[in-house]
Amino acid sequence: MTWPQAINKVLGESGEALHYNEITDRIVAQSLRSSLGATPSATVNACIAASIKHEGSDSPYVRVAKGTFALRAPARGVTVLPLKLTPEIVDPEETEEQYEILTSFGMFWRRNEVKWLAKPKLLGTQKDGATAVDFYKQLGVYLLYDGREVIYVGRTIDRPLGLRLFEHTRDRMAARWDRFSWFGLLPVSEAGELGTLPPTFNTAKLIEALEAILIESLEPRQNRKKGDGIGSVEYIQRTDPEVEKERFKTSFEAALKKL
């Protein structure tokens, strides 16, 4: 299916408004697309938002809350259940931004899933089947863990994330961490490439983002909500293929020794 066809099918079968992340999850679960790209959630959001912006009342979609959409009328060939009574957001100038301050993040990635060279691959995907993104060049903030305890917080400004982490496999922190989390500023394209920083940042949003980082990473007991400064997308770690090859080789050699 095309993206609009897949979106229409999901919204039609749902019979109620859905957030674009939920729409994407259902498209993936139902295998409605053979190609997802590196940023499927952003693609779904952009597809719907562009339709609303350019087609106005002729758009098949209606925004009922931030990031949440429903079908305005039945799509061709799709039976739509009665929608819940959710008021339409009347704001033709509103656009849904995926990228604000933070564009992407990874939580509790495993150190042993990366082949630590001077230029390591930090691979992650949004969804199963999506294009893997290498976050080696990402800039932002990172945390090192011993188990689940945060033992070090660092930043990457003039040197990329991958290089900073590699340095921590050689410095005084080398034997002290086994996992890491990161929060990045560079945007991710649909092709899986990292972009460049915007020329300016909004101070208020930056403060919200810093608060969100602490909430998401430290998971303090007294916080009853997630960080509301995060409009970004989490990426799930993927093992470096070179690590998988080495593990296979080790297992194969061990099996030969037993013969």
C-alpha atoms as a PDB file:
ATOM      1  CA  MET A   1       0.000   0.000   0.000  1.00  0.00           C
ATOM      2  CA  THR A   2       0.955   3.639  -0.346  1.00  0.00           C
ATOM      3  CA  TRP A   3       1.318   5.542   2.915  1.00  0.00           C
ATOM      4  CA  PRO A   4      -2.122   7.246   2.533  1.00  0.00           C
ATOM      5  CA  GLN A   5      -3.783   3.900   1.745  1.00  0.00           C
ATOM      6  CA  ALA A   6      -2.229   2.318   4.826  1.00  0.00           C
ATOM      7  CA  ILE A   7      -3.179   5.282   7.023  1.00  0.00           C
ATOM      8  CA  ASN A   8      -6.767   5.230   5.741  1.00  0.00           C
ATOM      9  CA  LYS A   9      -7.063   1.518   6.397  1.00  0.00           C
ATOM     10  CA  VAL A  10      -5.788   1.817   9.983  1.00  0.00           C
ATOM     11  CA  LEU A  11      -7.952   4.825  10.842  1.00  0.00           C
ATOM     12  CA  GLY A  12     -10.986   3.314   9.125  1.00  0.00           C
ATOM     13  CA  GLU A  13     -10.722   0.041  11.009  1.00  0.00           C
ATOM     14  CA  SER A  14     -10.033   1.818  14.297  1.00  0.00           C
ATOM     15  CA  GLY A  15     -13.168   3.923  14.195  1.00  0.00           C
ATOM     16  CA  GLU A  16     -11.560   6.456  16.524  1.00  0.00           C
ATOM     17  CA  ALA A  17      -8.809   9.039  16.559  1.00  0.00           C
ATOM     18  CA  LEU A  18      -5.243   7.723  16.899  1.00  0.00           C
ATOM     19  CA  HIS A  19      -1.852   9.299  17.553  1.00  0.00           C
ATOM     20  CA  TYR A  20       0.465   9.049  14.555  1.00  0.00           C
ATOM     21  CA  ASN A  21       2.800   6.762  16.532  1.00  0.00           C
ATOM     22  CA  GLU A  22      -0.094   4.324  17.104  1.00  0.00           C
ATOM     23  CA  ILE A  23      -1.046   4.541  13.411  1.00  0.00           C
ATOM     24  CA  THR A  24       2.537   3.652  12.515  1.00  0.00           C
ATOM     25  CA  ASP A  25       2.619   0.745  14.972  1.00  0.00           C
ATOM     26  CA  ARG A  26      -0.517  -0.739  13.401  1.00  0.00           C
ATOM     27  CA  ILE A  27       0.819  -0.280   9.860  1.00  0.00           C
ATOM     28  CA  VAL A  28       3.956  -2.189  10.885  1.00  0.00           C
ATOM     29  CA  ALA A  29       2.010  -4.872  12.791  1.00  0.00           C
ATOM     30  CA  GLN A  30      -0.275  -5.515   9.806  1.00  0.00           C
ATOM     31  CA  SER A  31       2.623  -5.437   7.296  1.00  0.00           C
ATOM     32  CA  LEU A  32       0.796  -2.860   5.175  1.00  0.00           C
ATOM     33  CA  ARG A  33       4.082  -1.445   3.874  1.00  0.00           C
ATOM     34  CA  SER A  34       7.019  -3.377   2.445  1.00  0.00           C
ATOM     35  CA  SER A  35       9.337  -0.377   2.871  1.00  0.00           C
ATOM     36  CA  LEU A  36       9.301   1.772   6.012  1.00  0.00           C
ATOM     37  CA  GLY A  37      12.336   4.028   5.635  1.00  0.00           C
ATOM     38  CA  ALA A  38      14.294   5.171   8.685  1.00  0.00           C
ATOM     39  CA  THR A  39      11.582   7.443  10.130  1.00  0.00           C
ATOM     40  CA  PRO A  40       8.178   5.772   9.603  1.00  0.00           C
ATOM     41  CA  SER A  41       6.434   7.702  12.398  1.00  0.00           C
ATOM     42  CA  ALA A  42       7.625  11.009  10.955  1.00  0.00           C
ATOM     43  CA  THR A  43       6.455   9.931   7.491  1.00  0.00           C
ATOM     44  CA  VAL A  44       2.959   9.114   8.746  1.00  0.00           C
ATOM     45  CA  ASN A  45       2.778  12.406  10.644  1.00  0.00           C
ATOM     46  CA  ALA A  46       4.050  14.418   7.677  1.00  0.00           C
ATOM     47  CA  CYS A  47       1.655  12.693   5.261  1.00  0.00           C
ATOM     48  CA  ILE A  48      -1.398  13.523   7.375  1.00  0.00           C
ATOM     49  CA  ALA A  49      -0.247  17.030   8.351  1.00  0.00           C
ATOM     50  CA  ALA A  50       0.534  17.923   4.720  1.00  0.00           C
ATOM     51  CA  SER A  51      -2.914  16.760   3.625  1.00  0.00           C
ATOM     52  CA  ILE A  52      -4.623  18.883   6.283  1.00  0.00           C
ATOM     53  CA  LYS A  53      -2.462  21.931   5.508  1.00  0.00           C
ATOM     54  CA  HIS A  54      -2.779  21.852   1.722  1.00  0.00           C
ATOM     55  CA  GLU A  55      -6.247  20.355   1.231  1.00  0.00           C
ATOM     56  CA  GLY A  56      -8.077  22.039   4.093  1.00  0.00           C
ATOM     57  CA  SER A  57     -11.670  20.867   4.414  1.00  0.00           C
ATOM     58  CA  ASP A  58     -11.126  18.528   1.453  1.00  0.00           C
ATOM     59  CA  SER A  59      -8.554  16.543   3.411  1.00  0.00           C
ATOM     60  CA  PRO A  60      -9.743  13.080   4.511  1.00  0.00           C
ATOM     61  CA  TYR A  61      -8.174  13.717   7.924  1.00  0.00           C
ATOM     62  CA  VAL A  62      -9.065  15.849  10.905  1.00  0.00           C
ATOM     63  CA  ARG A  63      -6.753  16.751  13.797  1.00  0.00           C
ATOM     64  CA  VAL A  64      -8.493  16.227  17.132  1.00  0.00           C
ATOM     65  CA  ALA A  65      -5.500  16.805  19.415  1.00  0.00           C
ATOM     66  CA  LYS A  66      -1.766  17.332  19.069  1.00  0.00           C
ATOM     67  CA  GLY A  67      -0.467  14.470  16.967  1.00  0.00           C
ATOM     68  CA  THR A  68      -3.851  12.713  17.037  1.00  0.00           C
ATOM     69  CA  PHE A  69      -5.983  12.297  13.908  1.00  0.00           C
ATOM     70  CA  ALA A  70      -9.217  10.735  12.665  1.00  0.00           C
ATOM     71  CA  LEU A  71     -10.850  10.274   9.278  1.00  0.00           C
ATOM     72  CA  ARG A  72     -13.126  13.151   8.323  1.00  0.00           C
ATOM     73  CA  ALA A  73     -15.188  10.915   6.042  1.00  0.00           C
ATOM     74  CA  PRO A  74     -15.102   7.250   5.013  1.00  0.00           C
ATOM     75  CA  ALA A  75     -12.193   6.446   2.706  1.00  0.00           C
ATOM     76  CA  ARG A  76     -13.050   4.665  -0.520  1.00  0.00           C
ATOM     77  CA  GLY A  77     -13.547   0.966   0.120  1.00  0.00           C
ATOM     78  CA  VAL A  78     -13.236   1.322   3.898  1.00  0.00           C
ATOM     79  CA  THR A  79     -16.076   1.012   6.383  1.00  0.00           C
ATOM     80  CA  VAL A  80     -15.654   3.495   9.206  1.00  0.00           C
ATOM     81  CA  LEU A  81     -17.144   2.902  12.660  1.00  0.00           C
ATOM     82  CA  PRO A  82     -18.788   5.895  14.388  1.00  0.00           C
ATOM     83  CA  LEU A  83     -16.124   8.205  15.776  1.00  0.00           C
ATOM     84  CA  LYS A  84     -15.988   9.030  19.460  1.00  0.00           C
ATOM     85  CA  LEU A  85     -17.199  12.513  20.292  1.00  0.00           C
ATOM     86  CA  THR A  86     -13.850  14.268  20.211  1.00  0.00           C
ATOM     87  CA  PRO A  87     -13.888  17.954  19.216  1.00  0.00           C
ATOM     88  CA  GLU A  88     -11.900  18.962  16.158  1.00  0.00           C
ATOM     89  CA  ILE A  89      -8.922  21.231  16.707  1.00  0.00           C
ATOM     90  CA  VAL A  90      -9.707  24.313  14.609  1.00  0.00           C
ATOM     91  CA  ASP A  91      -6.310  25.815  13.885  1.00  0.00           C
ATOM     92  CA  PRO A  92      -5.361  25.764  10.185  1.00  0.00           C
ATOM     93  CA  GLU A  93      -1.935  27.225  10.950  1.00  0.00           C
ATOM     94  CA  GLU A  94      -1.012  24.490  13.412  1.00  0.00           C
ATOM     95  CA  THR A  95       1.665  22.144  12.188  1.00  0.00           C
ATOM     96  CA  GLU A  96       2.851  19.020  13.912  1.00  0.00           C
ATOM     97  CA  GLU A  97       6.595  19.197  14.524  1.00  0.00           C
ATOM     98  CA  GLN A  98       8.450  15.956  15.097  1.00  0.00           C
ATOM     99  CA  TYR A  99      11.789  17.649  15.575  1.00  0.00           C
ATOM    100  CA  GLU A 100      12.047  20.304  18.266  1.00  0.00           C
ATOM    101  CA  ILE A 101      15.154  20.339  20.462  1.00  0.00           C
ATOM    102  CA  LEU A 102      15.720  16.596  20.758  1.00  0.00           C
ATOM    103  CA  THR A 103      15.312  14.587  17.591  1.00  0.00           C
ATOM    104  CA  SER A 104      16.112  11.070  18.747  1.00  0.00           C
ATOM    105  CA  PHE A 105      17.298   9.091  21.737  1.00  0.00           C
ATOM    106  CA  GLY A 106      18.357   5.606  22.787  1.00  0.00           C
ATOM    107  CA  MET A 107      17.797   4.119  26.238  1.00  0.00           C
ATOM    108  CA  PHE A 108      20.000   1.549  27.997  1.00  0.00           C
ATOM    109  CA  TRP A 109      21.897   0.462  24.908  1.00  0.00           C
ATOM    110  CA  ARG A 110      24.334  -2.373  25.604  1.00  0.00           C
ATOM    111  CA  ARG A 111      28.058  -1.729  25.361  1.00  0.00           C
ATOM    112  CA  ASN A 112      28.768  -5.281  24.163  1.00  0.00           C
ATOM    113  CA  GLU A 113      26.530  -4.847  21.096  1.00  0.00           C
ATOM    114  CA  VAL A 114      29.010  -2.377  19.578  1.00  0.00           C
ATOM    115  CA  LYS A 115      32.393  -3.108  18.002  1.00  0.00           C
ATOM    116  CA  TRP A 116      34.524  -0.438  19.644  1.00  0.00           C
ATOM    117  CA  LEU A 117      36.772   1.078  17.014  1.00  0.00           C
ATOM    118  CA  ALA A 118      37.803   4.725  16.648  1.00  0.00           C
ATOM    119  CA  LYS A 119      34.669   5.114  14.520  1.00  0.00           C
ATOM    120  CA  PRO A 120      32.122   2.635  15.973  1.00  0.00           C
ATOM    121  CA  LYS A 121      28.702   1.985  14.491  1.00  0.00           C
ATOM    122  CA  LEU A 122      25.885   2.978  16.849  1.00  0.00           C
ATOM    123  CA  LEU A 123      22.982   1.319  15.057  1.00  0.00           C
ATOM    124  CA  GLY A 124      19.329   1.836  15.921  1.00  0.00           C
ATOM    125  CA  THR A 125      15.882   1.552  14.346  1.00  0.00           C
ATOM    126  CA  GLN A 126      12.495   3.099  15.124  1.00  0.00           C
ATOM    127  CA  LYS A 127      10.505  -0.035  14.356  1.00  0.00           C
ATOM    128  CA  ASP A 128      11.209  -3.620  13.342  1.00  0.00           C
ATOM    129  CA  GLY A 129      11.777  -3.563   9.590  1.00  0.00           C
ATOM    130  CA  ALA A 130      12.718   0.130   9.471  1.00  0.00           C
ATOM    131  CA  THR A 131      16.035   1.246   8.005  1.00  0.00           C
ATOM    132  CA  ALA A 132      18.868   1.195  10.561  1.00  0.00           C
ATOM    133  CA  VAL A 133      20.463   4.541  11.410  1.00  0.00           C
ATOM    134  CA  ASP A 134      24.107   4.947  12.460  1.00  0.00           C
ATOM    135  CA  PHE A 135      24.229   7.544  15.254  1.00  0.00           C
ATOM    136  CA  TYR A 136      28.029   7.770  15.390  1.00  0.00           C
ATOM    137  CA  LYS A 137      27.931  11.467  14.380  1.00  0.00           C
ATOM    138  CA  GLN A 138      25.081  12.432  16.712  1.00  0.00           C
ATOM    139  CA  LEU A 139      25.523  15.418  19.049  1.00  0.00           C
ATOM    140  CA  GLY A 140      23.844  15.913  22.408  1.00  0.00           C
ATOM    141  CA  VAL A 141      23.952  14.352  25.871  1.00  0.00           C
ATOM    142  CA  TYR A 142      24.804  10.822  26.983  1.00  0.00           C
ATOM    143  CA  LEU A 143      24.829   8.785  30.190  1.00  0.00           C
ATOM    144  CA  LEU A 144      26.967   5.805  31.221  1.00  0.00           C
ATOM    145  CA  TYR A 145      25.568   3.093  33.526  1.00  0.00           C
ATOM    146  CA  ASP A 146      26.920   0.416  35.797  1.00  0.00           C
ATOM    147  CA  GLY A 147      23.905  -1.870  35.684  1.00  0.00           C
ATOM    148  CA  ARG A 148      21.045   0.620  35.986  1.00  0.00           C
ATOM    149  CA  GLU A 149      22.947   3.181  38.048  1.00  0.00           C
ATOM    150  CA  VAL A 150      23.982   6.350  36.232  1.00  0.00           C
ATOM    151  CA  ILE A 151      27.684   6.810  36.899  1.00  0.00           C
ATOM    152  CA  TYR A 152      28.580   9.493  34.343  1.00  0.00           C
ATOM    153  CA  VAL A 153      26.835  12.213  32.332  1.00  0.00           C
ATOM    154  CA  GLY A 154      28.617  13.719  29.341  1.00  0.00           C
ATOM    155  CA  ARG A 155      27.958  15.909  26.332  1.00  0.00           C
ATOM    156  CA  THR A 156      29.021  15.823  22.701  1.00  0.00           C
ATOM    157  CA  ILE A 157      29.484  19.184  21.021  1.00  0.00           C
ATOM    158  CA  ASP A 158      32.762  19.310  19.116  1.00  0.00           C
ATOM    159  CA  ARG A 159      33.305  15.543  18.886  1.00  0.00           C
ATOM    160  CA  PRO A 160      30.639  13.029  17.757  1.00  0.00           C
ATOM    161  CA  LEU A 161      28.834  10.675  20.123  1.00  0.00           C
ATOM    162  CA  GLY A 162      30.571   7.559  18.797  1.00  0.00           C
ATOM    163  CA  LEU A 163      34.028   9.008  19.356  1.00  0.00           C
ATOM    164  CA  ARG A 164      33.208  10.188  22.897  1.00  0.00           C
ATOM    165  CA  LEU A 165      31.931   6.732  23.827  1.00  0.00           C
ATOM    166  CA  PHE A 166      34.962   5.078  22.247  1.00  0.00           C
ATOM    167  CA  GLU A 167      37.191   7.293  24.374  1.00  0.00           C
ATOM    168  CA  HIS A 168      35.386   6.000  27.463  1.00  0.00           C
ATOM    169  CA  THR A 169      36.450   2.459  26.551  1.00  0.00           C
ATOM    170  CA  ARG A 170      40.069   3.632  26.901  1.00  0.00           C
ATOM    171  CA  ASP A 171      40.014   6.193  29.751  1.00  0.00           C
ATOM    172  CA  ARG A 172      39.449   5.905  33.516  1.00  0.00           C
ATOM    173  CA  MET A 173      35.804   4.929  32.867  1.00  0.00           C
ATOM    174  CA  ALA A 174      36.772   1.907  30.766  1.00  0.00           C
ATOM    175  CA  ALA A 175      35.967  -0.828  33.308  1.00  0.00           C
ATOM    176  CA  ARG A 176      33.084   0.977  34.988  1.00  0.00           C
ATOM    177  CA  TRP A 177      30.176   0.968  32.505  1.00  0.00           C
ATOM    178  CA  ASP A 178      28.181  -1.635  30.608  1.00  0.00           C
ATOM    179  CA  ARG A 179      25.259   0.358  29.156  1.00  0.00           C
ATOM    180  CA  PHE A 180      24.657   3.841  27.808  1.00  0.00           C
ATOM    181  CA  SER A 181      21.808   6.154  26.912  1.00  0.00           C
ATOM    182  CA  TRP A 182      21.945   9.117  24.564  1.00  0.00           C
ATOM    183  CA  PHE A 183      19.804  12.107  23.562  1.00  0.00           C
ATOM    184  CA  GLY A 184      20.573  13.635  20.178  1.00  0.00           C
ATOM    185  CA  LEU A 185      20.011  17.002  18.503  1.00  0.00           C
ATOM    186  CA  LEU A 186      20.752  16.234  14.839  1.00  0.00           C
ATOM    187  CA  PRO A 187      17.637  15.383  12.778  1.00  0.00           C
ATOM    188  CA  VAL A 188      17.263  12.026  11.026  1.00  0.00           C
ATOM    189  CA  SER A 189      16.174  11.873   7.383  1.00  0.00           C
ATOM    190  CA  GLU A 190      13.847   9.228   5.957  1.00  0.00           C
ATOM    191  CA  ALA A 191      16.912   7.723   4.256  1.00  0.00           C
ATOM    192  CA  GLY A 192      18.557   7.271   7.648  1.00  0.00           C
ATOM    193  CA  GLU A 193      21.108  10.089   7.379  1.00  0.00           C
ATOM    194  CA  LEU A 194      21.859  12.594  10.145  1.00  0.00           C
ATOM    195  CA  GLY A 195      21.292  16.255   9.284  1.00  0.00           C
ATOM    196  CA  THR A 196      22.697  19.491  10.709  1.00  0.00           C
ATOM    197  CA  LEU A 197      21.778  21.651  13.693  1.00  0.00           C
ATOM    198  CA  PRO A 198      19.274  24.498  13.194  1.00  0.00           C
ATOM    199  CA  PRO A 199      20.810  27.993  13.536  1.00  0.00           C
ATOM    200  CA  THR A 200      19.020  28.873  16.798  1.00  0.00           C
ATOM    201  CA  PHE A 201      17.327  27.195  19.748  1.00  0.00           C
ATOM    202  CA  ASN A 202      14.370  28.334  21.817  1.00  0.00           C
ATOM    203  CA  THR A 203      15.527  28.769  25.426  1.00  0.00           C
ATOM    204  CA  ALA A 204      12.206  27.673  26.963  1.00  0.00           C
ATOM    205  CA  LYS A 205      12.136  24.515  24.873  1.00  0.00           C
ATOM    206  CA  LEU A 206      15.749  23.807  25.746  1.00  0.00           C
ATOM    207  CA  ILE A 207      14.935  23.964  29.471  1.00  0.00           C
ATOM    208  CA  GLU A 208      11.972  21.630  28.947  1.00  0.00           C
ATOM    209  CA  ALA A 209      14.201  19.282  27.001  1.00  0.00           C
ATOM    210  CA  LEU A 210      16.852  19.184  29.729  1.00  0.00           C
ATOM    211  CA  GLU A 211      14.176  18.395  32.304  1.00  0.00           C
ATOM    212  CA  ALA A 212      12.811  15.684  30.023  1.00  0.00           C
ATOM    213  CA  ILE A 213      16.257  14.148  29.674  1.00  0.00           C
ATOM    214  CA  LEU A 214      16.594  13.803  33.438  1.00  0.00           C
ATOM    215  CA  ILE A 215      13.116  12.301  33.807  1.00  0.00           C
ATOM    216  CA  GLU A 216      13.535   9.825  30.948  1.00  0.00           C
ATOM    217  CA  SER A 217      17.032   8.724  31.934  1.00  0.00           C
ATOM    218  CA  LEU A 218      16.879   8.659  35.747  1.00  0.00           C
ATOM    219  CA  GLU A 219      13.222   7.566  36.062  1.00  0.00           C
ATOM    220  CA  PRO A 220      12.772   9.237  39.469  1.00  0.00           C
ATOM    221  CA  ARG A 221       9.998   7.722  41.573  1.00  0.00           C
ATOM    222  CA  GLN A 222       8.228  10.992  42.316  1.00  0.00           C
ATOM    223  CA  ASN A 223       7.746  12.025  38.679  1.00  0.00           C
ATOM    224  CA  ARG A 224       4.258  11.037  37.592  1.00  0.00           C
ATOM    225  CA  LYS A 225       4.690  11.896  33.920  1.00  0.00           C
ATOM    226  CA  LYS A 226       7.238  11.565  31.180  1.00  0.00           C
ATOM    227  CA  GLY A 227       9.329  14.539  30.185  1.00  0.00           C
ATOM    228  CA  ASP A 228       7.039  16.874  28.225  1.00  0.00           C
ATOM    229  CA  GLY A 229       9.944  18.505  26.415  1.00  0.00           C
ATOM    230  CA  ILE A 230      10.570  15.407  24.290  1.00  0.00           C
ATOM    231  CA  GLY A 231       9.028  15.544  20.838  1.00  0.00           C
ATOM    232  CA  SER A 232      11.609  13.074  19.643  1.00  0.00           C
ATOM    233  CA  VAL A 233      11.608   9.433  18.628  1.00  0.00           C
ATOM    234  CA  GLU A 234      13.290   6.602  20.495  1.00  0.00           C
ATOM    235  CA  TYR A 235      15.550   4.278  18.519  1.00  0.00           C
ATOM    236  CA  ILE A 236      16.047   0.632  19.505  1.00  0.00           C
ATOM    237  CA  GLN A 237      19.634  -0.616  19.419  1.00  0.00           C
ATOM    238  CA  ARG A 238      20.726  -3.016  16.689  1.00  0.00           C
ATOM    239  CA  THR A 239      23.873  -5.147  17.075  1.00  0.00           C
ATOM    240  CA  ASP A 240      26.842  -4.226  14.880  1.00  0.00           C
ATOM    241  CA  PRO A 241      27.090  -6.984  12.206  1.00  0.00           C
ATOM    242  CA  GLU A 242      30.806  -7.312  12.980  1.00  0.00           C
ATOM    243  CA  VAL A 243      29.956  -8.227  16.591  1.00  0.00           C
ATOM    244  CA  GLU A 244      27.530 -10.894  15.362  1.00  0.00           C
ATOM    245  CA  LYS A 245      30.232 -12.327  13.073  1.00  0.00           C
ATOM    246  CA  GLU A 246      32.725 -12.519  15.928  1.00  0.00           C
ATOM    247  CA  ARG A 247      30.162 -14.245  18.174  1.00  0.00           C
ATOM    248  CA  PHE A 248      29.380 -16.790  15.458  1.00  0.00           C
ATOM    249  CA  LYS A 249      33.079 -17.420  14.915  1.00  0.00           C
ATOM    250  CA  THR A 250      33.660 -17.909  18.659  1.00  0.00           C
ATOM    251  CA  SER A 251      30.695 -20.291  18.956  1.00  0.00           C
ATOM    252  CA  PHE A 252      31.795 -22.221  15.860  1.00  0.00           C
ATOM    253  CA  GLU A 253      35.355 -22.613  17.165  1.00  0.00           C
ATOM    254  CA  ALA A 254      34.068 -23.737  20.562  1.00  0.00           C
ATOM    255  CA  ALA A 255      31.854 -26.335  18.884  1.00  0.00           C
ATOM    256  CA  LEU A 256      34.804 -27.676  16.839  1.00  0.00           C
ATOM    257  CA  LYS A 257      36.872 -28.111  20.012  1.00  0.00           C
ATOM    258  CA  LYS A 258      34.155 -30.324  21.498  1.00  0.00           C
ATOM    259  CA  LEU A 259      34.209 -32.704  18.500  1.00  0.00           C
END
